[in-house]
Amino acid sequence: MASIGHIVTPTPASAALVRARERARLLPDCLVEARRIANTVIAGWHGRRRRGPGENFWQFRPFVEGDSLARIDWRRSARDDHTYIRDREWEAAHTIWLWASMSPSMMYKSNLGMVSKESRALVLMLAAAEIMARSGERIGCPGVMEPIAARNAAERLAYALAHEDPTGALPDTRMIRGASDIVLFSDFLEPPEAVLAALQPLSRRGLRGHVIEVSDPAEETFPYAGRVEFSDPATGAKFLSGRSEALAEEYKTLYHARRETLRDGLRHLGWNFIAHNTGRPASEALAAVHMYLSGQPDRARHGGGR
């Protein structure tokens, strides 16, 4: 701690320790909430099933030249005039990387939001881990946890987050090897050009990306009037406005232009974008993420992406 007279100000290291302790206290409740939300969505979730080598039945399909005769299902073929092949389900586990920003701006919560952005991002990440683990996928968190295939992956991820201090506006992806999916939860308030420049190398490496922008309703609508002091949670810089309502239209124009620039840039990378605010149920964003991961982008855009 650094002190000036009787005023004690926290150093960056001590501030980070306080933040880590706060997050550790938050995680058990987030895990409970994540499991509740996962259970509301899981009934309509059937995993990332696809045809391939395995033991479980997938589907019947007409026999075509080149198929092995040993794979013909003679009982099904006897029902009509066609010959059918019995396909099996692909059972190879896929790796899904989940990451939630722990930047200071994520702590923000207005009177219009249900929870802080950080809490919502953690709940969404843990709920995604819960459902993916039930589907047999490998779950990892870049810079925090190597991929694991376990039914309790969400619980183990929560434990890892409680004992690690992930920093930075974007994850450290050096531990990611091979093609896989990565799901990022953050407010992405950095300049969109900087975000896209950081994500472009991941796209070139073959990662399929899904970006969930978590916002507070007040950040979208700017419901302020009169004398208001605004502060930057990262730097502590302050700005006092005598008539904050006069800033509303320009602010909203710039805020939504930033979002559209990010959305368009991600589309060019072949990545998906979901805008979600904490005034909406978490299950909406979670269902949209699941649809993207299951290869149903049209349903995802209709149900969760804006």
C-alpha atoms as a PDB file:
ATOM      1  CA  MET A   1       0.000   0.000   0.000  1.00  0.00           C
ATOM      2  CA  ALA A   2       1.200   3.508  -0.791  1.00  0.00           C
ATOM      3  CA  SER A   3       0.227   6.255   1.677  1.00  0.00           C
ATOM      4  CA  ILE A   4       0.180  10.050   1.551  1.00  0.00           C
ATOM      5  CA  GLY A   5      -0.267  11.512   5.005  1.00  0.00           C
ATOM      6  CA  HIS A   6      -3.324   9.820   6.509  1.00  0.00           C
ATOM      7  CA  ILE A   7      -4.804   8.994   3.075  1.00  0.00           C
ATOM      8  CA  VAL A   8      -4.131   5.421   1.991  1.00  0.00           C
ATOM      9  CA  THR A   9      -4.426   4.631  -1.716  1.00  0.00           C
ATOM     10  CA  PRO A  10      -4.287   1.110  -3.126  1.00  0.00           C
ATOM     11  CA  THR A  11      -1.457   0.053  -5.404  1.00  0.00           C
ATOM     12  CA  PRO A  12      -2.317  -1.794  -8.621  1.00  0.00           C
ATOM     13  CA  ALA A  13      -1.222  -5.069  -7.016  1.00  0.00           C
ATOM     14  CA  SER A  14      -3.428  -4.610  -3.954  1.00  0.00           C
ATOM     15  CA  ALA A  15      -6.374  -3.516  -6.122  1.00  0.00           C
ATOM     16  CA  ALA A  16      -5.982  -6.684  -8.181  1.00  0.00           C
ATOM     17  CA  LEU A  17      -5.958  -8.765  -4.997  1.00  0.00           C
ATOM     18  CA  VAL A  18      -9.183  -7.128  -3.810  1.00  0.00           C
ATOM     19  CA  ARG A  19     -10.783  -7.788  -7.181  1.00  0.00           C
ATOM     20  CA  ALA A  20      -9.681 -11.435  -7.085  1.00  0.00           C
ATOM     21  CA  ARG A  21     -11.190 -11.878  -3.622  1.00  0.00           C
ATOM     22  CA  GLU A  22     -14.452 -10.250  -4.708  1.00  0.00           C
ATOM     23  CA  ARG A  23     -14.636 -12.560  -7.708  1.00  0.00           C
ATOM     24  CA  ALA A  24     -13.941 -15.603  -5.538  1.00  0.00           C
ATOM     25  CA  ARG A  25     -16.890 -14.641  -3.307  1.00  0.00           C
ATOM     26  CA  LEU A  26     -19.089 -14.111  -6.355  1.00  0.00           C
ATOM     27  CA  LEU A  27     -18.346 -17.419  -8.104  1.00  0.00           C
ATOM     28  CA  PRO A  28     -20.332 -19.857  -5.885  1.00  0.00           C
ATOM     29  CA  ASP A  29     -23.547 -17.908  -6.455  1.00  0.00           C
ATOM     30  CA  CYS A  30     -22.741 -17.604 -10.160  1.00  0.00           C
ATOM     31  CA  LEU A  31     -22.284 -21.373 -10.386  1.00  0.00           C
ATOM     32  CA  VAL A  32     -25.679 -22.006  -8.764  1.00  0.00           C
ATOM     33  CA  GLU A  33     -27.340 -19.519 -11.110  1.00  0.00           C
ATOM     34  CA  ALA A  34     -25.490 -20.987 -14.107  1.00  0.00           C
ATOM     35  CA  ARG A  35     -26.822 -24.467 -13.363  1.00  0.00           C
ATOM     36  CA  ARG A  36     -30.354 -23.114 -12.980  1.00  0.00           C
ATOM     37  CA  ILE A  37     -30.169 -21.358 -16.349  1.00  0.00           C
ATOM     38  CA  ALA A  38     -28.547 -24.364 -18.008  1.00  0.00           C
ATOM     39  CA  ASN A  39     -31.417 -26.555 -16.836  1.00  0.00           C
ATOM     40  CA  THR A  40     -33.974 -24.205 -18.397  1.00  0.00           C
ATOM     41  CA  VAL A  41     -32.230 -24.430 -21.771  1.00  0.00           C
ATOM     42  CA  ILE A  42     -30.984 -28.031 -21.760  1.00  0.00           C
ATOM     43  CA  ALA A  43     -34.334 -29.575 -22.761  1.00  0.00           C
ATOM     44  CA  GLY A  44     -33.987 -28.154 -26.269  1.00  0.00           C
ATOM     45  CA  TRP A  45     -30.275 -28.828 -26.577  1.00  0.00           C
ATOM     46  CA  HIS A  46     -29.112 -31.973 -28.337  1.00  0.00           C
ATOM     47  CA  GLY A  47     -25.397 -31.370 -28.482  1.00  0.00           C
ATOM     48  CA  ARG A  48     -23.282 -31.130 -31.610  1.00  0.00           C
ATOM     49  CA  ARG A  49     -24.379 -34.474 -33.072  1.00  0.00           C
ATOM     50  CA  ARG A  50     -23.179 -35.387 -36.539  1.00  0.00           C
ATOM     51  CA  ARG A  51     -22.584 -38.445 -38.734  1.00  0.00           C
ATOM     52  CA  GLY A  52     -19.289 -40.330 -38.361  1.00  0.00           C
ATOM     53  CA  PRO A  53     -17.515 -43.298 -36.766  1.00  0.00           C
ATOM     54  CA  GLY A  54     -19.089 -44.381 -33.501  1.00  0.00           C
ATOM     55  CA  GLU A  55     -21.407 -46.894 -31.859  1.00  0.00           C
ATOM     56  CA  ASN A  56     -24.691 -44.957 -31.516  1.00  0.00           C
ATOM     57  CA  PHE A  57     -27.321 -44.937 -34.264  1.00  0.00           C
ATOM     58  CA  TRP A  58     -27.503 -41.644 -36.212  1.00  0.00           C
ATOM     59  CA  GLN A  59     -29.902 -42.076 -39.146  1.00  0.00           C
ATOM     60  CA  PHE A  60     -30.958 -44.193 -42.095  1.00  0.00           C
ATOM     61  CA  ARG A  61     -30.022 -42.940 -45.566  1.00  0.00           C
ATOM     62  CA  PRO A  62     -30.287 -44.402 -49.086  1.00  0.00           C
ATOM     63  CA  PHE A  63     -27.444 -46.646 -50.245  1.00  0.00           C
ATOM     64  CA  VAL A  64     -25.164 -45.004 -52.841  1.00  0.00           C
ATOM     65  CA  GLU A  65     -22.377 -46.455 -54.971  1.00  0.00           C
ATOM     66  CA  GLY A  66     -19.205 -46.739 -52.923  1.00  0.00           C
ATOM     67  CA  ASP A  67     -20.915 -47.553 -49.609  1.00  0.00           C
ATOM     68  CA  SER A  68     -19.874 -50.758 -47.895  1.00  0.00           C
ATOM     69  CA  LEU A  69     -22.367 -53.622 -48.327  1.00  0.00           C
ATOM     70  CA  ALA A  70     -21.742 -54.539 -44.707  1.00  0.00           C
ATOM     71  CA  ARG A  71     -23.428 -51.298 -43.626  1.00  0.00           C
ATOM     72  CA  ILE A  72     -26.754 -52.063 -45.323  1.00  0.00           C
ATOM     73  CA  ASP A  73     -29.648 -52.395 -42.870  1.00  0.00           C
ATOM     74  CA  TRP A  74     -31.618 -55.236 -44.485  1.00  0.00           C
ATOM     75  CA  ARG A  75     -34.536 -55.019 -42.063  1.00  0.00           C
ATOM     76  CA  ARG A  76     -35.138 -51.327 -42.840  1.00  0.00           C
ATOM     77  CA  SER A  77     -34.564 -51.936 -46.564  1.00  0.00           C
ATOM     78  CA  ALA A  78     -37.193 -54.691 -46.597  1.00  0.00           C
ATOM     79  CA  ARG A  79     -39.943 -52.163 -45.776  1.00  0.00           C
ATOM     80  CA  ASP A  80     -39.956 -50.630 -49.280  1.00  0.00           C
ATOM     81  CA  ASP A  81     -38.153 -50.732 -52.611  1.00  0.00           C
ATOM     82  CA  HIS A  82     -35.012 -48.849 -51.473  1.00  0.00           C
ATOM     83  CA  THR A  83     -31.768 -50.023 -49.894  1.00  0.00           C
ATOM     84  CA  TYR A  84     -30.734 -48.139 -46.746  1.00  0.00           C
ATOM     85  CA  ILE A  85     -27.461 -47.583 -44.905  1.00  0.00           C
ATOM     86  CA  ARG A  86     -27.415 -47.367 -41.113  1.00  0.00           C
ATOM     87  CA  ASP A  87     -25.242 -44.335 -40.190  1.00  0.00           C
ATOM     88  CA  ARG A  88     -23.605 -44.009 -36.809  1.00  0.00           C
ATOM     89  CA  GLU A  89     -22.991 -40.849 -34.801  1.00  0.00           C
ATOM     90  CA  TRP A  90     -19.618 -39.147 -34.658  1.00  0.00           C
ATOM     91  CA  GLU A  91     -18.412 -39.407 -31.059  1.00  0.00           C
ATOM     92  CA  ALA A  92     -15.164 -37.442 -31.122  1.00  0.00           C
ATOM     93  CA  ALA A  93     -15.222 -34.714 -28.471  1.00  0.00           C
ATOM     94  CA  HIS A  94     -14.713 -31.138 -29.592  1.00  0.00           C
ATOM     95  CA  THR A  95     -12.768 -28.503 -27.650  1.00  0.00           C
ATOM     96  CA  ILE A  96     -14.597 -25.348 -26.635  1.00  0.00           C
ATOM     97  CA  TRP A  97     -12.695 -22.505 -25.014  1.00  0.00           C
ATOM     98  CA  LEU A  98     -14.666 -20.136 -22.763  1.00  0.00           C
ATOM     99  CA  TRP A  99     -13.412 -16.782 -21.515  1.00  0.00           C
ATOM    100  CA  ALA A 100     -15.012 -13.894 -19.613  1.00  0.00           C
ATOM    101  CA  SER A 101     -13.423 -10.475 -19.193  1.00  0.00           C
ATOM    102  CA  MET A 102     -12.548  -9.408 -15.669  1.00  0.00           C
ATOM    103  CA  SER A 103     -11.721  -5.800 -16.600  1.00  0.00           C
ATOM    104  CA  PRO A 104     -12.818  -3.041 -14.162  1.00  0.00           C
ATOM    105  CA  SER A 105     -15.557  -1.834 -16.506  1.00  0.00           C
ATOM    106  CA  MET A 106     -17.282  -5.208 -16.124  1.00  0.00           C
ATOM    107  CA  MET A 107     -18.135  -4.356 -12.501  1.00  0.00           C
ATOM    108  CA  TYR A 108     -20.624  -1.716 -13.638  1.00  0.00           C
ATOM    109  CA  LYS A 109     -24.304  -2.082 -12.718  1.00  0.00           C
ATOM    110  CA  SER A 110     -26.961   0.616 -13.088  1.00  0.00           C
ATOM    111  CA  ASN A 111     -30.449   0.663 -11.598  1.00  0.00           C
ATOM    112  CA  LEU A 112     -31.707  -0.691 -14.921  1.00  0.00           C
ATOM    113  CA  GLY A 113     -29.573  -3.834 -14.873  1.00  0.00           C
ATOM    114  CA  MET A 114     -30.406  -7.037 -13.020  1.00  0.00           C
ATOM    115  CA  VAL A 115     -26.766  -7.754 -12.126  1.00  0.00           C
ATOM    116  CA  SER A 116     -23.300  -6.434 -12.894  1.00  0.00           C
ATOM    117  CA  LYS A 117     -21.806  -7.175 -16.293  1.00  0.00           C
ATOM    118  CA  GLU A 118     -19.126  -9.292 -14.608  1.00  0.00           C
ATOM    119  CA  SER A 119     -21.690 -11.437 -12.805  1.00  0.00           C
ATOM    120  CA  ARG A 120     -23.689 -12.001 -15.987  1.00  0.00           C
ATOM    121  CA  ALA A 121     -20.580 -12.888 -18.009  1.00  0.00           C
ATOM    122  CA  LEU A 122     -19.479 -15.412 -15.379  1.00  0.00           C
ATOM    123  CA  VAL A 123     -22.945 -16.967 -15.217  1.00  0.00           C
ATOM    124  CA  LEU A 124     -23.108 -17.299 -18.996  1.00  0.00           C
ATOM    125  CA  MET A 125     -19.623 -18.807 -19.175  1.00  0.00           C
ATOM    126  CA  LEU A 126     -20.317 -21.353 -16.428  1.00  0.00           C
ATOM    127  CA  ALA A 127     -23.743 -22.211 -17.847  1.00  0.00           C
ATOM    128  CA  ALA A 128     -22.179 -22.810 -21.266  1.00  0.00           C
ATOM    129  CA  ALA A 129     -19.559 -25.033 -19.612  1.00  0.00           C
ATOM    130  CA  GLU A 130     -22.300 -26.970 -17.824  1.00  0.00           C
ATOM    131  CA  ILE A 131     -24.239 -27.737 -20.999  1.00  0.00           C
ATOM    132  CA  MET A 132     -21.185 -28.418 -23.157  1.00  0.00           C
ATOM    133  CA  ALA A 133     -19.840 -30.820 -20.541  1.00  0.00           C
ATOM    134  CA  ARG A 134     -23.138 -32.702 -20.520  1.00  0.00           C
ATOM    135  CA  SER A 135     -22.770 -33.033 -24.299  1.00  0.00           C
ATOM    136  CA  GLY A 136     -19.360 -34.660 -23.840  1.00  0.00           C
ATOM    137  CA  GLU A 137     -17.268 -31.739 -25.097  1.00  0.00           C
ATOM    138  CA  ARG A 138     -13.858 -30.722 -23.757  1.00  0.00           C
ATOM    139  CA  ILE A 139     -13.994 -27.400 -21.892  1.00  0.00           C
ATOM    140  CA  GLY A 140     -11.041 -25.061 -21.399  1.00  0.00           C
ATOM    141  CA  CYS A 141     -10.400 -21.467 -20.380  1.00  0.00           C
ATOM    142  CA  PRO A 142      -7.397 -19.780 -22.036  1.00  0.00           C
ATOM    143  CA  GLY A 143      -4.763 -18.785 -19.528  1.00  0.00           C
ATOM    144  CA  VAL A 144      -6.710 -20.428 -16.697  1.00  0.00           C
ATOM    145  CA  MET A 145      -7.592 -24.096 -17.346  1.00  0.00           C
ATOM    146  CA  GLU A 146      -6.462 -26.705 -19.875  1.00  0.00           C
ATOM    147  CA  PRO A 147      -9.337 -28.477 -21.687  1.00  0.00           C
ATOM    148  CA  ILE A 148     -11.033 -31.257 -19.741  1.00  0.00           C
ATOM    149  CA  ALA A 149     -13.834 -33.681 -20.585  1.00  0.00           C
ATOM    150  CA  ALA A 150     -15.739 -34.091 -17.333  1.00  0.00           C
ATOM    151  CA  ARG A 151     -19.314 -33.782 -16.131  1.00  0.00           C
ATOM    152  CA  ASN A 152     -18.186 -31.360 -13.408  1.00  0.00           C
ATOM    153  CA  ALA A 153     -16.297 -29.095 -15.838  1.00  0.00           C
ATOM    154  CA  ALA A 154     -18.309 -26.003 -14.787  1.00  0.00           C
ATOM    155  CA  GLU A 155     -17.461 -26.569 -11.121  1.00  0.00           C
ATOM    156  CA  ARG A 156     -13.781 -27.087 -11.918  1.00  0.00           C
ATOM    157  CA  LEU A 157     -13.765 -23.965 -14.088  1.00  0.00           C
ATOM    158  CA  ALA A 158     -15.297 -21.934 -11.250  1.00  0.00           C
ATOM    159  CA  TYR A 159     -12.619 -23.261  -8.890  1.00  0.00           C
ATOM    160  CA  ALA A 160      -9.851 -22.359 -11.363  1.00  0.00           C
ATOM    161  CA  LEU A 161     -11.229 -18.836 -11.798  1.00  0.00           C
ATOM    162  CA  ALA A 162     -11.330 -18.360  -8.031  1.00  0.00           C
ATOM    163  CA  HIS A 163      -7.600 -19.129  -7.829  1.00  0.00           C
ATOM    164  CA  GLU A 164      -6.396 -17.385 -10.981  1.00  0.00           C
ATOM    165  CA  ASP A 165      -6.347 -13.726 -11.922  1.00  0.00           C
ATOM    166  CA  PRO A 166      -7.030 -13.453 -15.667  1.00  0.00           C
ATOM    167  CA  THR A 167      -6.110  -9.985 -16.857  1.00  0.00           C
ATOM    168  CA  GLY A 168      -6.238  -8.111 -20.121  1.00  0.00           C
ATOM    169  CA  ALA A 169      -8.997  -7.002 -22.430  1.00  0.00           C
ATOM    170  CA  LEU A 170      -8.667 -10.264 -24.408  1.00  0.00           C
ATOM    171  CA  PRO A 171      -7.497 -13.751 -23.403  1.00  0.00           C
ATOM    172  CA  ASP A 172      -4.010 -15.191 -23.660  1.00  0.00           C
ATOM    173  CA  THR A 173      -4.518 -17.834 -26.354  1.00  0.00           C
ATOM    174  CA  ARG A 174      -1.019 -19.304 -26.489  1.00  0.00           C
ATOM    175  CA  MET A 175      -2.264 -22.506 -24.841  1.00  0.00           C
ATOM    176  CA  ILE A 176      -4.853 -23.086 -27.601  1.00  0.00           C
ATOM    177  CA  ARG A 177      -3.728 -25.757 -30.058  1.00  0.00           C
ATOM    178  CA  GLY A 178      -5.588 -26.894 -33.148  1.00  0.00           C
ATOM    179  CA  ALA A 179      -8.967 -25.930 -34.543  1.00  0.00           C
ATOM    180  CA  SER A 180     -11.653 -25.401 -31.931  1.00  0.00           C
ATOM    181  CA  ASP A 181     -14.366 -22.978 -30.845  1.00  0.00           C
ATOM    182  CA  ILE A 182     -13.743 -19.983 -28.597  1.00  0.00           C
ATOM    183  CA  VAL A 183     -16.547 -18.083 -26.854  1.00  0.00           C
ATOM    184  CA  LEU A 184     -15.729 -14.626 -25.477  1.00  0.00           C
ATOM    185  CA  PHE A 185     -17.881 -12.743 -22.962  1.00  0.00           C
ATOM    186  CA  SER A 186     -16.977  -9.069 -22.462  1.00  0.00           C
ATOM    187  CA  ASP A 187     -18.299  -5.523 -22.832  1.00  0.00           C
ATOM    188  CA  PHE A 188     -15.740  -4.891 -25.613  1.00  0.00           C
ATOM    189  CA  LEU A 189     -15.542  -1.165 -24.867  1.00  0.00           C
ATOM    190  CA  GLU A 190     -12.071  -0.949 -26.367  1.00  0.00           C
ATOM    191  CA  PRO A 191     -11.877   0.623 -29.855  1.00  0.00           C
ATOM    192  CA  PRO A 192     -13.367  -1.971 -32.229  1.00  0.00           C
ATOM    193  CA  GLU A 193     -10.362  -1.711 -34.545  1.00  0.00           C
ATOM    194  CA  ALA A 194      -8.099  -2.819 -31.678  1.00  0.00           C
ATOM    195  CA  VAL A 195     -10.402  -5.720 -30.778  1.00  0.00           C
ATOM    196  CA  LEU A 196     -10.587  -6.910 -34.385  1.00  0.00           C
ATOM    197  CA  ALA A 197      -6.821  -6.612 -34.832  1.00  0.00           C
ATOM    198  CA  ALA A 198      -6.340  -8.833 -31.770  1.00  0.00           C
ATOM    199  CA  LEU A 199      -8.887 -11.420 -32.929  1.00  0.00           C
ATOM    200  CA  GLN A 200      -7.761 -11.650 -36.553  1.00  0.00           C
ATOM    201  CA  PRO A 201      -4.744 -13.911 -35.791  1.00  0.00           C
ATOM    202  CA  LEU A 202      -7.064 -16.303 -33.932  1.00  0.00           C
ATOM    203  CA  SER A 203      -9.296 -16.527 -36.988  1.00  0.00           C
ATOM    204  CA  ARG A 204      -6.271 -17.264 -39.175  1.00  0.00           C
ATOM    205  CA  ARG A 205      -5.328 -20.091 -36.810  1.00  0.00           C
ATOM    206  CA  GLY A 206      -8.656 -21.772 -37.542  1.00  0.00           C
ATOM    207  CA  LEU A 207     -10.520 -20.882 -34.356  1.00  0.00           C
ATOM    208  CA  ARG A 208     -14.261 -20.484 -34.786  1.00  0.00           C
ATOM    209  CA  GLY A 209     -15.241 -17.498 -32.683  1.00  0.00           C
ATOM    210  CA  HIS A 210     -18.422 -16.460 -30.902  1.00  0.00           C
ATOM    211  CA  VAL A 211     -18.393 -13.002 -29.319  1.00  0.00           C
ATOM    212  CA  ILE A 212     -20.991 -12.076 -26.697  1.00  0.00           C
ATOM    213  CA  GLU A 213     -21.030  -8.370 -25.907  1.00  0.00           C
ATOM    214  CA  VAL A 214     -22.425  -7.931 -22.386  1.00  0.00           C
ATOM    215  CA  SER A 215     -23.770  -4.441 -21.704  1.00  0.00           C
ATOM    216  CA  ASP A 216     -25.806  -2.644 -19.062  1.00  0.00           C
ATOM    217  CA  PRO A 217     -29.118  -1.120 -20.238  1.00  0.00           C
ATOM    218  CA  ALA A 218     -27.905   2.336 -19.139  1.00  0.00           C
ATOM    219  CA  GLU A 219     -24.916   2.023 -21.479  1.00  0.00           C
ATOM    220  CA  GLU A 220     -27.281   1.574 -24.399  1.00  0.00           C
ATOM    221  CA  THR A 221     -29.906   4.202 -23.518  1.00  0.00           C
ATOM    222  CA  PHE A 222     -27.921   6.881 -21.561  1.00  0.00           C
ATOM    223  CA  PRO A 223     -30.796   7.717 -19.146  1.00  0.00           C
ATOM    224  CA  TYR A 224     -29.002  10.646 -17.458  1.00  0.00           C
ATOM    225  CA  ALA A 225     -30.103  14.234 -16.975  1.00  0.00           C
ATOM    226  CA  GLY A 226     -28.812  17.265 -15.112  1.00  0.00           C
ATOM    227  CA  ARG A 227     -25.500  17.434 -13.291  1.00  0.00           C
ATOM    228  CA  VAL A 228     -23.741  14.069 -13.453  1.00  0.00           C
ATOM    229  CA  GLU A 229     -20.140  13.067 -12.820  1.00  0.00           C
ATOM    230  CA  PHE A 230     -18.880  10.196 -14.988  1.00  0.00           C
ATOM    231  CA  SER A 231     -15.778   8.197 -14.103  1.00  0.00           C
ATOM    232  CA  ASP A 232     -13.577   5.727 -15.948  1.00  0.00           C
ATOM    233  CA  PRO A 233     -13.345   2.533 -13.826  1.00  0.00           C
ATOM    234  CA  ALA A 234      -9.997   1.611 -15.385  1.00  0.00           C
ATOM    235  CA  THR A 235      -8.112   4.900 -15.043  1.00  0.00           C
ATOM    236  CA  GLY A 236     -10.177   6.796 -12.460  1.00  0.00           C
ATOM    237  CA  ALA A 237     -10.505   9.769 -14.816  1.00  0.00           C
ATOM    238  CA  LYS A 238     -13.617  11.855 -14.156  1.00  0.00           C
ATOM    239  CA  PHE A 239     -15.840  14.084 -16.284  1.00  0.00           C
ATOM    240  CA  LEU A 240     -18.486  16.433 -14.857  1.00  0.00           C
ATOM    241  CA  SER A 241     -21.422  17.383 -17.070  1.00  0.00           C
ATOM    242  CA  GLY A 242     -23.807  20.136 -16.072  1.00  0.00           C
ATOM    243  CA  ARG A 243     -26.460  19.068 -18.610  1.00  0.00           C
ATOM    244  CA  SER A 244     -25.854  15.411 -19.284  1.00  0.00           C
ATOM    245  CA  GLU A 245     -29.052  15.078 -21.321  1.00  0.00           C
ATOM    246  CA  ALA A 246     -27.410  17.231 -24.000  1.00  0.00           C
ATOM    247  CA  LEU A 247     -24.864  14.437 -24.546  1.00  0.00           C
ATOM    248  CA  ALA A 248     -27.425  11.662 -25.009  1.00  0.00           C
ATOM    249  CA  GLU A 249     -27.915  11.628 -28.783  1.00  0.00           C
ATOM    250  CA  GLU A 250     -24.229  11.930 -29.689  1.00  0.00           C
ATOM    251  CA  TYR A 251     -23.324   9.316 -27.083  1.00  0.00           C
ATOM    252  CA  LYS A 252     -25.894   6.802 -28.370  1.00  0.00           C
ATOM    253  CA  THR A 253     -24.813   7.378 -31.962  1.00  0.00           C
ATOM    254  CA  LEU A 254     -21.172   6.685 -31.100  1.00  0.00           C
ATOM    255  CA  TYR A 255     -21.984   3.739 -28.824  1.00  0.00           C
ATOM    256  CA  HIS A 256     -24.094   1.900 -31.400  1.00  0.00           C
ATOM    257  CA  ALA A 257     -21.721   2.773 -34.257  1.00  0.00           C
ATOM    258  CA  ARG A 258     -18.936   1.083 -32.249  1.00  0.00           C
ATOM    259  CA  ARG A 259     -21.113  -2.018 -31.889  1.00  0.00           C
ATOM    260  CA  GLU A 260     -21.933  -2.171 -35.592  1.00  0.00           C
ATOM    261  CA  THR A 261     -18.273  -1.759 -36.535  1.00  0.00           C
ATOM    262  CA  LEU A 262     -17.415  -4.675 -34.268  1.00  0.00           C
ATOM    263  CA  ARG A 263     -20.293  -6.791 -35.600  1.00  0.00           C
ATOM    264  CA  ASP A 264     -19.321  -6.154 -39.238  1.00  0.00           C
ATOM    265  CA  GLY A 265     -15.647  -6.834 -38.598  1.00  0.00           C
ATOM    266  CA  LEU A 266     -16.424 -10.134 -36.893  1.00  0.00           C
ATOM    267  CA  ARG A 267     -18.654 -11.139 -39.779  1.00  0.00           C
ATOM    268  CA  HIS A 268     -15.722 -10.642 -42.145  1.00  0.00           C
ATOM    269  CA  LEU A 269     -13.649 -12.922 -39.915  1.00  0.00           C
ATOM    270  CA  GLY A 270     -16.367 -15.549 -40.114  1.00  0.00           C
ATOM    271  CA  TRP A 271     -17.157 -15.106 -36.422  1.00  0.00           C
ATOM    272  CA  ASN A 272     -20.546 -14.718 -34.730  1.00  0.00           C
ATOM    273  CA  PHE A 273     -21.713 -11.756 -32.641  1.00  0.00           C
ATOM    274  CA  ILE A 274     -24.407 -11.569 -29.960  1.00  0.00           C
ATOM    275  CA  ALA A 275     -25.356  -8.341 -28.164  1.00  0.00           C
ATOM    276  CA  HIS A 276     -26.847  -8.987 -24.736  1.00  0.00           C
ATOM    277  CA  ASN A 277     -27.689  -6.578 -21.915  1.00  0.00           C
ATOM    278  CA  THR A 278     -28.143  -7.383 -18.250  1.00  0.00           C
ATOM    279  CA  GLY A 279     -31.757  -6.194 -18.308  1.00  0.00           C
ATOM    280  CA  ARG A 280     -32.636  -9.308 -20.340  1.00  0.00           C
ATOM    281  CA  PRO A 281     -32.770 -12.948 -19.138  1.00  0.00           C
ATOM    282  CA  ALA A 282     -29.439 -14.720 -19.332  1.00  0.00           C
ATOM    283  CA  SER A 283     -31.141 -17.713 -20.954  1.00  0.00           C
ATOM    284  CA  GLU A 284     -31.619 -15.697 -24.181  1.00  0.00           C
ATOM    285  CA  ALA A 285     -27.908 -15.251 -24.769  1.00  0.00           C
ATOM    286  CA  LEU A 286     -27.131 -18.790 -23.615  1.00  0.00           C
ATOM    287  CA  ALA A 287     -29.621 -20.295 -26.085  1.00  0.00           C
ATOM    288  CA  ALA A 288     -28.135 -18.221 -28.925  1.00  0.00           C
ATOM    289  CA  VAL A 289     -24.606 -19.402 -28.069  1.00  0.00           C
ATOM    290  CA  HIS A 290     -25.812 -23.005 -28.088  1.00  0.00           C
ATOM    291  CA  MET A 291     -27.422 -22.631 -31.481  1.00  0.00           C
ATOM    292  CA  TYR A 292     -24.196 -21.256 -32.963  1.00  0.00           C
ATOM    293  CA  LEU A 293     -22.158 -24.073 -31.444  1.00  0.00           C
ATOM    294  CA  SER A 294     -24.622 -26.671 -32.715  1.00  0.00           C
ATOM    295  CA  GLY A 295     -24.417 -25.337 -36.262  1.00  0.00           C
ATOM    296  CA  GLN A 296     -27.818 -23.614 -36.312  1.00  0.00           C
ATOM    297  CA  PRO A 297     -26.885 -19.954 -36.963  1.00  0.00           C
ATOM    298  CA  ASP A 298     -30.303 -18.947 -38.298  1.00  0.00           C
ATOM    299  CA  ARG A 299     -32.011 -19.988 -35.062  1.00  0.00           C
ATOM    300  CA  ALA A 300     -29.271 -18.260 -33.054  1.00  0.00           C
ATOM    301  CA  ARG A 301     -29.748 -14.943 -34.851  1.00  0.00           C
ATOM    302  CA  HIS A 302     -33.494 -15.143 -34.441  1.00  0.00           C
ATOM    303  CA  GLY A 303     -33.376 -16.048 -30.759  1.00  0.00           C
ATOM    304  CA  GLY A 304     -30.493 -14.112 -29.246  1.00  0.00           C
ATOM    305  CA  GLY A 305     -28.330 -12.016 -31.593  1.00  0.00           C
ATOM    306  CA  ARG A 306     -29.401  -8.408 -32.192  1.00  0.00           C
END
